[in-house]
Protein backbone atom coordinates (compact mmCIF):
# COMPACT_ATOMS: atom_id res chain seq x y z
CA MET A 1 110.79 77.79 33.70
CA SER A 2 112.63 76.70 36.67
CA THR A 3 113.83 79.06 39.71
CA GLU A 4 117.07 78.17 39.30
CA GLU A 5 116.89 78.52 35.41
CA THR A 6 115.48 82.23 35.90
CA ILE A 7 118.45 82.79 38.43
CA LYS A 8 121.33 81.55 35.76
CA ASP A 9 119.69 83.70 32.71
CA ILE A 10 119.84 86.95 34.87
CA VAL A 11 123.10 85.91 35.86
CA ILE A 12 124.44 85.13 32.14
CA ARG A 13 122.72 88.69 31.38
CA ILE A 14 124.26 91.03 33.45
CA VAL A 15 127.76 89.48 34.25
CA ARG A 16 127.69 88.45 30.75
CA CYS A 17 129.46 84.91 31.10
CA GLU A 18 128.22 81.79 29.44
CA GLY A 19 125.99 79.44 31.23
CA LYS A 20 127.07 76.14 30.63
CA GLU A 21 130.17 77.82 32.73
CA ILE A 22 127.88 78.15 35.69
CA THR A 23 127.39 75.59 38.26
CA HIS A 24 125.60 75.10 41.75
CA SER A 25 129.89 75.61 43.06
CA THR A 26 130.84 78.64 40.26
CA THR A 27 131.95 81.35 42.32
CA TRP A 28 131.75 85.28 41.01
CA ASP A 29 135.34 85.21 40.85
CA ASP A 30 134.68 82.40 38.58
CA MET A 31 132.46 83.80 36.23
CA ARG A 32 134.76 87.35 36.17
CA ALA A 33 132.05 89.28 37.90
CA ASP A 34 132.86 92.60 39.94
CA SER A 35 130.86 94.52 42.94
CA LEU A 36 129.11 96.51 40.90
CA ASP A 37 128.01 92.93 38.30
CA VAL A 38 126.87 91.44 41.92
CA VAL A 39 125.01 94.76 43.24
CA GLN A 40 122.93 94.46 39.64
CA VAL A 41 122.16 90.52 40.05
CA LEU A 42 120.45 91.19 43.13
CA SER A 43 118.53 93.73 42.84
CA ALA A 44 117.59 91.34 39.36
CA LEU A 45 116.81 88.94 41.87
CA GLU A 46 114.69 91.46 44.43
CA ASP A 47 113.03 92.83 41.22
CA THR A 48 111.80 89.62 39.77
CA PHE A 49 111.13 87.14 42.65
CA ASP A 50 110.08 90.21 44.97
CA ILE A 51 112.09 89.41 47.70
CA GLU A 52 114.73 91.12 49.78
CA ILE A 53 118.74 90.44 50.57
CA SER A 54 119.84 92.13 52.99
CA ASP A 55 123.55 93.47 52.91
CA GLU A 56 125.02 90.33 55.44
CA GLN A 57 123.13 87.87 53.70
CA ALA A 58 124.28 89.22 50.46
CA LYS A 59 127.66 88.55 51.66
CA GLY A 60 127.32 84.81 52.29
CA LEU A 61 126.02 84.46 48.75
CA ASN A 62 129.85 83.42 47.30
CA SER A 63 128.66 80.83 44.50
CA PHE A 64 125.63 80.12 42.16
CA GLY A 65 124.52 77.52 44.24
CA ASP A 66 124.13 79.82 47.60
CA LEU A 67 122.02 82.51 45.23
CA VAL A 68 119.69 79.63 44.14
CA GLU A 69 118.87 78.43 47.63
CA HIS A 70 118.99 81.53 49.39
CA VAL A 71 116.21 82.92 46.46
CA GLU A 72 114.54 79.35 47.12
CA ASP A 73 114.46 79.44 50.83
CA CYS A 74 113.24 83.10 50.48
CA LEU A 75 110.37 82.31 48.40
CA LYS A 76 109.04 79.24 50.65
CA GLU A 77 108.87 81.63 53.98
CA ALA A 78 106.82 83.87 51.32
């Protein structure tokens, strides 16, 4: 399973949205995710990929594509 697929699975599980609706340009608002959903997704990503996402970094993660790019960048740095 690719990094993107893993991230999508986490988002779908926590936010309870349809996977086919999620594209790189899909925003949290598009997914109807509230702030608790976002925190839970970020926490799950940190645990799954053994990375850290600071509050400052999280503020810039507005779309699914931003999320995928950030996680992939973190994995490259590790």
